[in-house]
Protein backbone atom coordinates (compact mmCIF):
# COMPACT_ATOMS: atom_id res chain seq x y z
CA MET A 1 -17.03 -13.55 16.69
CA SER A 2 -14.64 -12.13 13.99
CA LYS A 3 -16.23 -9.05 11.71
CA LYS A 4 -17.61 -9.36 8.20
CA TYR A 5 -16.06 -6.02 6.29
CA PHE A 6 -13.44 -4.78 8.70
CA GLY A 7 -9.85 -5.20 8.45
CA THR A 8 -7.05 -4.04 10.58
CA ASP A 9 -7.51 -0.80 9.96
CA GLY A 10 -10.71 0.36 8.54
CA ILE A 11 -11.97 -1.31 5.44
CA ARG A 12 -10.01 -2.29 2.19
CA GLY A 13 -9.84 -4.16 -1.12
CA ARG A 14 -10.15 -3.94 -4.67
CA VAL A 15 -12.10 -1.10 -7.04
CA ASN A 16 -15.69 -2.55 -8.20
CA GLN A 17 -15.15 -5.66 -6.14
CA ALA A 18 -16.66 -7.06 -3.25
CA LYS A 19 -16.79 -4.29 -0.46
CA ILE A 20 -15.22 -1.49 -2.79
CA ASN A 21 -18.02 -0.13 -5.04
CA GLY A 22 -20.29 2.78 -4.96
CA GLU A 23 -23.47 0.61 -3.68
CA MET A 24 -21.31 -0.66 -0.26
CA PHE A 25 -20.27 3.30 0.14
CA PHE A 26 -23.33 3.89 0.35
CA LYS A 27 -24.53 1.55 2.67
CA PHE A 28 -21.47 2.41 5.01
CA GLY A 29 -22.30 5.75 4.75
CA LEU A 30 -26.01 4.52 5.83
CA ALA A 31 -24.81 2.75 8.50
CA ALA A 32 -22.07 5.24 9.86
CA GLY A 33 -23.92 7.58 9.95
CA THR A 34 -26.93 6.11 11.25
CA TYR A 35 -24.87 4.67 14.05
CA PHE A 36 -23.34 8.13 15.33
CA LYS A 37 -26.52 10.17 15.10
CA ASN A 38 -27.73 8.33 17.42
CA GLN A 39 -25.54 9.42 19.70
CA LYS A 40 -26.76 11.95 22.26
CA LYS A 41 -24.55 14.73 23.17
CA ILE A 42 -22.87 14.53 20.27
CA LYS A 43 -24.01 16.59 17.14
CA GLN A 44 -24.39 15.22 13.72
CA THR A 45 -21.58 15.80 11.69
CA ALA A 46 -18.94 13.73 9.47
CA ILE A 47 -16.36 14.56 7.89
CA ILE A 48 -14.62 12.90 5.04
CA ALA A 49 -10.81 13.33 3.72
CA LYS A 50 -9.72 11.26 0.72
CA ASP A 51 -6.43 10.17 -1.40
CA THR A 52 -5.65 10.70 -4.54
CA ARG A 53 -7.14 7.02 -6.56
CA LEU A 54 -8.92 7.83 -9.53
CA SER A 55 -11.49 5.48 -7.70
CA GLY A 56 -11.79 8.69 -5.59
CA TYR A 57 -14.34 10.42 -7.29
CA THR A 58 -16.56 7.83 -7.40
CA LEU A 59 -16.67 6.33 -3.87
CA GLU A 60 -16.47 9.99 -2.16
CA PRO A 61 -20.26 10.72 -3.17
CA ALA A 62 -22.18 7.69 -2.84
CA LEU A 63 -20.36 7.95 0.37
CA VAL A 64 -21.40 11.71 1.08
CA SER A 65 -24.93 9.79 -0.42
CA GLY A 66 -25.35 7.64 2.26
CA LEU A 67 -24.51 10.27 5.07
CA ALA A 68 -27.08 12.38 3.92
CA SER A 69 -29.22 10.13 4.30
CA ALA A 70 -29.00 8.86 7.34
CA GLY A 71 -29.13 12.39 8.87
CA MET A 72 -25.23 13.59 8.96
CA HIS A 73 -24.18 17.30 8.25
CA VAL A 74 -20.81 16.37 5.98
CA TYR A 75 -18.32 18.58 4.96
CA THR A 76 -15.44 17.23 2.70
CA LEU A 77 -11.67 18.00 2.99
CA GLY A 78 -10.26 16.57 -0.17
CA PRO A 79 -6.53 15.18 -0.54
CA LEU A 80 -4.60 15.13 2.78
CA PRO A 81 -3.09 13.17 4.98
CA THR A 82 -5.16 10.94 8.05
CA ASN A 83 -3.65 12.73 10.34
CA GLY A 84 -5.21 15.61 9.32
CA LEU A 85 -8.44 14.13 8.94
CA ALA A 86 -8.23 13.16 12.46
CA MET A 87 -7.53 15.67 13.71
CA LEU A 88 -9.42 18.14 11.98
CA THR A 89 -12.76 15.52 13.57
CA LYS A 90 -11.21 16.69 16.85
CA LYS A 91 -11.01 20.25 16.02
CA MET A 92 -14.66 20.73 14.65
CA LYS A 93 -15.96 18.56 16.41
CA ALA A 94 -17.59 16.07 14.16
CA ASN A 95 -19.15 12.97 14.86
CA LEU A 96 -16.67 10.61 13.46
CA GLY A 97 -14.79 11.48 10.23
CA ILE A 98 -14.16 9.68 7.19
CA MET A 99 -10.61 8.87 5.56
CA ILE A 100 -10.68 7.44 2.02
CA THR A 101 -8.21 5.94 1.28
CA ALA A 102 -5.32 2.42 0.56
CA SER A 103 -2.58 3.56 2.16
CA HIS A 104 -0.03 2.68 0.88
CA ASN A 105 -1.95 -0.06 -1.52
CA PRO A 106 -1.37 0.35 -5.51
CA PHE A 107 -3.43 3.08 -7.47
CA TYR A 108 -6.05 0.07 -7.12
CA ASP A 109 -7.44 -0.83 -3.91
CA ASN A 110 -8.68 1.68 -2.18
CA GLY A 111 -10.71 1.66 1.37
CA LEU A 112 -11.42 3.52 4.97
CA LYS A 113 -10.48 4.38 7.79
CA LEU A 114 -12.98 5.39 10.56
CA PHE A 115 -12.11 7.86 13.31
CA GLY A 116 -14.49 8.69 16.00
CA PRO A 117 -15.05 12.72 18.20
CA ASP A 118 -12.04 11.45 19.73
CA GLY A 119 -9.74 11.65 16.70
CA LEU A 120 -9.51 8.20 17.20
CA LYS A 121 -10.33 5.15 15.34
CA LEU A 122 -12.86 2.98 16.19
CA SER A 123 -12.43 0.45 18.76
CA ASP A 124 -13.81 -3.21 17.56
CA ARG A 125 -17.34 -2.71 19.69
CA ILE A 126 -18.27 0.32 17.38
CA GLU A 127 -16.99 -1.40 13.99
CA LYS A 128 -18.65 -4.56 14.96
CA LYS A 129 -21.70 -2.59 15.08
CA ILE A 130 -21.67 -0.98 12.32
CA GLU A 131 -21.13 -3.88 10.66
CA LYS A 132 -24.77 -4.46 11.71
CA LEU A 133 -26.79 -1.37 10.40
CA ILE A 134 -24.71 -2.51 7.24
CA ASP A 135 -26.31 -5.23 6.63
CA SER A 136 -29.68 -4.06 8.22
CA ARG A 137 -32.81 -3.31 5.41
CA ILE A 138 -32.02 0.49 4.27
CA VAL A 139 -34.82 1.82 4.19
CA LYS A 140 -35.32 1.08 8.25
CA ASN A 141 -31.93 3.40 8.69
CA LEU A 142 -33.20 5.82 5.93
CA SER A 143 -34.26 10.15 6.85
CA GLU A 144 -37.36 11.70 6.43
CA PRO A 145 -36.67 14.31 3.55
CA LYS A 146 -36.95 17.30 5.91
CA THR A 147 -33.40 16.01 7.50
CA LEU A 148 -31.98 15.04 5.19
CA GLY A 149 -27.92 16.02 5.13
CA ARG A 150 -26.44 19.14 4.54
CA VAL A 151 -23.33 18.84 1.79
CA LYS A 152 -19.92 21.13 2.01
CA ARG A 153 -17.03 22.29 0.71
CA LEU A 154 -14.66 22.96 3.25
CA GLU A 155 -11.94 24.38 1.19
CA ASN A 156 -8.40 25.20 3.47
CA ALA A 157 -8.28 21.81 5.74
CA ASN A 158 -4.28 21.60 4.20
CA ASP A 159 -3.77 24.67 5.44
CA ILE A 160 -5.82 24.28 8.87
CA TYR A 161 -3.78 21.41 9.09
CA ILE A 162 -0.04 22.55 8.65
CA LYS A 163 -1.15 25.15 11.92
CA ILE A 164 -2.04 22.86 13.53
CA LEU A 165 1.33 20.60 13.64
CA LYS A 166 3.48 23.89 13.73
CA SER A 167 1.17 24.74 16.92
CA ASN A 168 2.94 22.43 18.27
CA PHE A 169 6.85 23.20 18.48
CA PRO A 170 8.22 26.74 19.18
CA LYS A 171 6.80 29.96 17.03
CA LYS A 172 10.65 30.73 16.84
CA PHE A 173 12.13 27.24 14.92
CA SER A 174 13.15 27.72 11.24
CA LEU A 175 14.30 25.56 9.57
CA LYS A 176 16.29 28.30 6.79
CA GLY A 177 19.60 26.81 6.25
CA MET A 178 18.65 22.83 5.42
CA LYS A 179 17.71 20.94 2.38
CA ILE A 180 14.99 18.33 2.33
CA ALA A 181 14.26 16.60 0.42
CA ILE A 182 10.55 14.75 0.19
CA ASP A 183 9.02 12.07 -1.51
CA CYS A 184 4.88 12.46 -0.74
CA ALA A 185 4.61 8.92 -3.30
CA ASN A 186 1.63 11.17 -5.18
CA GLY A 187 -0.19 10.64 -2.70
CA ALA A 188 -2.80 12.46 1.02
CA GLY A 189 0.20 15.11 1.47
CA TYR A 190 1.37 15.59 -1.72
CA LYS A 191 -0.25 19.30 -0.60
CA SER A 192 0.60 19.90 2.37
CA GLY A 193 4.11 18.58 2.99
CA PRO A 194 6.48 21.02 0.40
CA LYS A 195 3.95 23.66 1.68
CA LEU A 196 5.05 22.23 6.07
CA LEU A 197 8.54 22.19 5.45
CA ARG A 198 8.98 25.64 3.19
CA SER A 199 7.18 27.23 5.25
CA LEU A 200 9.60 26.60 7.60
CA GLY A 201 12.31 28.15 5.63
CA ALA A 202 14.12 25.06 4.41
CA LYS A 203 14.95 24.89 0.87
CA VAL A 204 12.55 21.74 -0.50
CA TYR A 205 13.47 19.12 -2.96
CA GLN A 206 9.87 17.42 -4.07
CA PHE A 207 8.80 14.06 -5.78
CA GLY A 208 6.32 12.35 -6.18
CA THR A 209 3.60 15.85 -5.82
CA SER A 210 2.30 14.82 -9.23
CA PRO A 211 -0.72 12.28 -9.01
CA ASN A 212 -2.52 11.42 -11.98
CA GLY A 213 -5.15 8.95 -9.96
CA PHE A 214 -3.23 6.07 -10.87
CA ASN A 215 0.51 6.73 -10.13
CA ILE A 216 0.35 6.53 -6.01
CA ASN A 217 2.54 4.97 -4.49
CA ASP A 218 3.69 3.84 -7.36
CA ASN A 219 7.85 2.88 -7.22
CA CYS A 220 7.71 5.70 -5.28
CA GLY A 221 6.54 6.86 -1.57
CA SER A 222 7.82 4.38 2.11
CA THR A 223 7.21 1.74 0.26
CA PHE A 224 10.07 2.06 -2.47
CA PRO A 225 12.74 3.88 -0.26
CA ASN A 226 15.53 3.66 -3.59
CA LYS A 227 13.23 7.10 -4.45
CA ILE A 228 14.55 8.86 -1.08
CA ARG A 229 17.90 7.92 -0.89
CA SER A 230 18.31 9.02 -4.90
CA LEU A 231 16.50 12.02 -4.09
CA VAL A 232 19.24 12.56 -1.04
CA ARG A 233 22.33 11.42 -3.23
CA LYS A 234 21.46 14.47 -6.20
CA TYR A 235 20.53 17.20 -4.08
CA LYS A 236 23.57 16.27 -1.48
CA ALA A 237 19.99 17.63 0.76
CA ASN A 238 20.38 16.98 4.33
CA ILE A 239 17.64 14.31 4.86
CA GLY A 240 14.79 12.64 3.03
CA ILE A 241 11.79 11.99 4.09
CA SER A 242 9.67 9.48 2.46
CA LEU A 243 5.95 9.55 2.85
CA ASP A 244 3.05 6.83 1.51
CA GLY A 245 0.17 7.38 -0.12
CA ASP A 246 -2.12 8.50 2.77
CA ALA A 247 1.16 9.98 4.88
CA ASP A 248 0.49 7.82 8.02
CA ARG A 249 4.45 6.49 7.75
CA ILE A 250 7.22 7.91 7.13
CA ILE A 251 10.93 6.10 6.18
CA ILE A 252 14.13 8.93 6.62
CA SER A 253 17.10 8.86 4.37
CA ASP A 254 20.36 10.49 5.96
CA GLU A 255 22.24 13.15 4.18
CA ASN A 256 24.35 9.07 3.95
CA GLY A 257 22.29 7.57 1.24
CA LYS A 258 20.82 5.27 4.48
CA ILE A 259 17.58 4.09 4.95
CA ILE A 260 16.31 4.92 8.39
CA ASN A 261 13.01 2.44 9.40
CA GLY A 262 10.84 2.91 12.17
CA ASP A 263 12.83 1.12 14.06
CA GLN A 264 15.06 3.55 15.03
CA ILE A 265 12.95 6.96 14.52
CA ILE A 266 11.19 5.47 17.65
CA ALA A 267 14.24 4.44 18.97
CA THR A 268 15.58 7.72 18.95
CA LEU A 269 12.34 9.31 20.02
CA ALA A 270 12.37 7.77 22.45
CA LYS A 271 16.42 8.83 23.58
CA ARG A 272 15.40 12.40 23.22
CA TRP A 273 11.78 11.97 25.15
CA LYS A 274 13.03 10.58 27.84
CA ARG A 275 15.99 12.85 28.40
CA LYS A 276 13.69 15.69 28.29
CA LYS A 277 11.12 14.63 30.15
CA ILE A 278 8.54 13.76 27.79
CA LEU A 279 8.91 10.16 27.61
CA LYS A 280 5.24 9.00 30.03
CA GLY A 281 6.03 5.09 30.44
CA GLY A 282 7.32 3.16 28.56
CA VAL A 283 7.58 2.75 23.74
CA ILE A 284 5.40 -0.18 22.52
CA GLY A 285 6.04 -1.51 19.53
CA THR A 286 4.94 -4.70 17.66
CA MET A 287 5.59 -8.30 17.14
CA MET A 288 7.34 -6.81 13.89
CA SER A 289 9.80 -4.75 16.01
CA ASN A 290 13.51 -5.86 15.75
CA TYR A 291 15.35 -7.05 18.94
CA GLY A 292 18.03 -4.94 18.62
CA LEU A 293 15.14 -1.96 19.70
CA GLN A 294 14.28 -4.18 22.13
CA ASN A 295 17.63 -4.73 23.75
CA TYR A 296 18.94 -1.04 22.51
CA PHE A 297 15.51 0.01 24.82
CA LYS A 298 16.75 -2.45 28.00
CA ASP A 299 20.31 -1.21 28.02
CA GLN A 300 18.35 3.03 27.98
CA LYS A 301 15.59 1.59 31.06
CA ILE A 302 13.07 2.48 29.24
CA LYS A 303 10.04 0.25 29.35
CA PHE A 304 8.91 -1.61 25.54
CA ILE A 305 5.55 -3.67 25.23
CA ARG A 306 4.80 -5.57 22.28
CA ALA A 307 1.29 -4.80 20.80
CA ASP A 308 -0.47 -6.63 16.93
CA VAL A 309 0.48 -5.73 13.57
CA GLY A 310 -1.82 -2.66 12.78
CA ASP A 311 -1.22 0.84 14.49
CA ARG A 312 -4.67 0.90 15.74
CA TYR A 313 -3.71 -1.81 18.03
CA VAL A 314 -0.79 0.20 19.35
CA LYS A 315 -2.75 2.86 19.95
CA GLU A 316 -5.62 0.93 21.94
CA LYS A 317 -1.88 -0.40 24.23
CA MET A 318 -0.49 3.08 24.40
CA GLN A 319 -3.93 3.99 25.82
CA LYS A 320 -3.98 0.95 28.31
CA ASN A 321 -0.49 1.60 29.58
CA ASN A 322 -0.14 5.27 29.96
CA PHE A 323 1.60 5.71 27.24
CA ASN A 324 2.97 7.90 24.94
CA LEU A 325 5.74 7.36 22.32
CA GLY A 326 4.60 4.14 19.35
CA GLY A 327 4.94 2.43 16.61
CA GLU A 328 5.52 0.41 13.76
CA GLN A 329 8.90 -0.56 11.55
CA SER A 330 7.08 0.81 8.93
CA GLY A 331 6.98 3.19 9.71
CA HIS A 332 3.21 4.24 11.44
CA ILE A 333 4.34 5.78 14.09
CA ILE A 334 1.88 8.05 17.05
CA LEU A 335 3.17 10.28 19.80
CA GLY A 336 0.58 10.15 22.37
CA LYS A 337 1.54 13.54 23.29
CA PHE A 338 0.85 15.37 19.71
CA ALA A 339 -1.53 13.13 18.04
CA THR A 340 -3.80 10.11 18.06
CA THR A 341 -3.33 8.12 14.63
CA GLY A 342 0.19 7.99 13.05
CA ASP A 343 1.46 11.29 11.01
CA GLY A 344 4.46 11.31 9.00
CA LEU A 345 4.65 14.67 8.51
CA LEU A 346 4.64 15.16 12.03
CA VAL A 347 6.70 12.70 13.11
CA GLY A 348 9.35 14.59 9.92
CA LEU A 349 9.00 17.74 12.07
CA GLU A 350 9.29 15.56 15.72
CA ILE A 351 13.03 14.34 13.69
CA LEU A 352 14.11 18.21 12.61
CA PHE A 353 13.23 19.82 15.37
CA SER A 354 17.07 17.78 16.71
CA MET A 355 18.33 18.75 13.53
CA ARG A 356 17.36 22.24 14.12
CA LYS A 357 21.37 22.98 15.55
CA GLY A 358 23.35 21.35 12.51
CA LEU A 359 23.26 17.81 13.85
CA LYS A 360 23.74 14.80 11.23
CA ALA A 361 21.33 12.84 10.80
CA SER A 362 23.63 10.06 10.28
CA LYS A 363 24.77 10.06 13.70
CA LEU A 364 21.73 11.26 15.16
CA LEU A 365 19.62 7.87 13.23
CA ASN A 366 21.79 5.00 13.95
CA LYS A 367 20.54 4.69 18.11
CA PHE A 368 20.82 0.66 17.55
CA LYS A 369 22.70 -2.24 15.24
CA PRO A 370 19.87 -4.13 14.15
CA ILE A 371 19.57 -7.96 13.72
CA PRO A 372 19.22 -9.36 10.91
CA GLN A 373 15.84 -9.49 9.47
CA ILE A 374 14.07 -10.70 6.94
CA LEU A 375 10.63 -10.02 4.80
CA GLU A 376 8.56 -11.60 2.86
CA ASN A 377 5.61 -10.54 1.26
CA ILE A 378 3.86 -14.20 -0.75
CA LYS A 379 0.69 -13.33 -2.94
CA VAL A 380 -1.71 -15.84 -2.43
CA LYS A 381 -4.76 -16.79 -3.37
CA ASP A 382 -6.13 -17.30 0.56
CA LYS A 383 -5.83 -16.35 3.11
CA SER A 384 -6.43 -18.96 4.39
CA ILE A 385 -3.54 -20.93 3.19
CA ILE A 386 -2.46 -20.34 6.69
CA ASN A 387 -4.08 -22.86 8.30
CA SER A 388 -3.78 -25.68 6.60
CA LYS A 389 -2.03 -29.39 7.73
CA LYS A 390 0.74 -28.22 5.84
CA CYS A 391 1.50 -24.34 6.51
CA LYS A 392 0.73 -25.87 9.67
CA LEU A 393 3.72 -27.99 9.01
CA ALA A 394 5.95 -25.75 8.43
CA ILE A 395 5.49 -22.90 10.98
CA LYS A 396 6.49 -25.97 13.61
CA LYS A 397 9.43 -27.04 12.07
CA SER A 398 10.70 -23.74 11.10
CA GLU A 399 9.84 -23.02 14.51
CA LYS A 400 11.88 -25.84 15.74
CA LEU A 401 14.97 -25.50 13.84
CA ILE A 402 15.45 -21.60 14.69
CA LYS A 403 15.01 -21.89 18.35
CA ASN A 404 17.14 -20.27 20.54
CA LYS A 405 18.91 -18.27 18.31
CA GLY A 406 16.05 -16.73 15.90
CA ARG A 407 12.75 -16.04 16.18
CA MET A 408 10.40 -16.52 13.03
CA LEU A 409 6.95 -14.46 13.01
CA ILE A 410 4.02 -15.74 10.07
CA ARG A 411 0.64 -13.96 9.81
CA LYS A 412 -1.75 -13.47 7.38
CA SER A 413 -1.51 -9.49 5.89
CA GLY A 414 -4.34 -8.00 7.13
CA THR A 415 -4.83 -5.69 4.33
CA GLU A 416 -4.08 -7.01 1.20
CA PRO A 417 -3.92 -10.74 -0.55
CA LYS A 418 -0.90 -12.13 1.18
CA ILE A 419 1.48 -14.23 3.98
CA ARG A 420 4.10 -12.64 5.23
CA ILE A 421 6.64 -14.48 6.85
CA MET A 422 9.20 -12.90 8.57
CA GLY A 423 12.64 -14.04 10.55
CA GLU A 424 15.23 -12.58 12.57
CA SER A 425 18.86 -14.43 13.72
CA SER A 426 21.66 -13.70 13.04
CA ASN A 427 22.93 -16.57 11.69
CA ILE A 428 21.52 -15.88 7.77
CA VAL A 429 21.58 -18.83 6.72
CA LEU A 430 19.65 -20.46 8.88
CA LEU A 431 17.62 -17.72 8.80
CA LYS A 432 17.10 -18.49 5.27
CA LYS A 433 16.63 -21.51 5.32
CA CYS A 434 13.14 -21.54 7.95
CA ILE A 435 11.32 -18.81 5.39
CA ASN A 436 12.29 -20.76 2.02
CA ILE A 437 10.91 -23.84 4.04
CA VAL A 438 7.20 -21.74 5.00
CA LYS A 439 7.32 -19.92 1.51
CA ARG A 440 6.72 -23.64 -0.42
CA SER A 441 4.10 -24.40 1.99
CA LEU A 442 2.20 -21.68 0.91
CA ASN A 443 2.99 -22.75 -3.02
């Protein structure tokens, strides 16, 4: 049975429509609080962080009210990267952590990402149980007046997060002498990103650190890599780091302004971890991972398995296979040795640690030659169009044309009203032809 409210990465949508409004966030809080409050041997506490969207000011109080009404004690942390929230959920031994964010989406969207006491995103099974509670009668789950939750603000969440990140590296680790450009997408990492790098001695050139409620991901961040490329060239930086709205993604620019996506970063980490005997099992990628990456791992004798698109599915497959490295081309990368979910700053530190003795980013981060890949995101009124007879025939035709010469992957976005069309082939003319066949069927 499909889920009613949760998608591939929590709950997400347009603000003040359908699922994303004050009434629904009260219900989400009440339902999640009720579910976790009833779990034995767990402290009745929830912590909430958010990115910088204006709508956070209306949605957070509603969520807090729902949780407190269920009898949960609540700590609000303010703007903090998603993995910071996951780390603090585990550190504070909370029942659950809730991140109010729509990640890389525009400001007019918002949503929730929920984490359990282990710092992991909730399973489909638990999400379905919470959905049942959302649709139950509100009065059934309200606490008695004497058992209502209390609410407190934790002011130093970013400092705690930075301290945890740095604890994963030797105390002598220093970035002194390095020039680093960072684009924080006017999002959740706007405080911790520059502060972390400066605390390690780097000369930092920052952008996307002046959020106004509307400019999150607006021509900045990991979905607009030209910005970090231009910053690196302007300041002659050694490297550029670009985060998304909730800082769980990273895209890098080398010192020449070449954009390095998640596939190349994963290849770099896997090779180093294998050499250092840190790599456990192999690497989990997704159906979007470039075939050039797969071929590289084959040459390096590193086991590679594909998961469904979405970092939660990557993590689930990592757990199932007992792997400690996985991620997506988009820059969602999970370092299982240190974290339970994607973390742009943590991955950035791991790369910077490899460069600490003067190694250039261009030499470190270009591990394989990617097979030409085209990705197009087509906005649609109804994503079910992918199941129409016209679209199915177009997909079948494109797959038949490209067979043995490449591959096609057509899927619904889990977070936006879009159909994502991806194709790979060394034959660019054929590739474009196949993509256009599918695009025409969506009109």
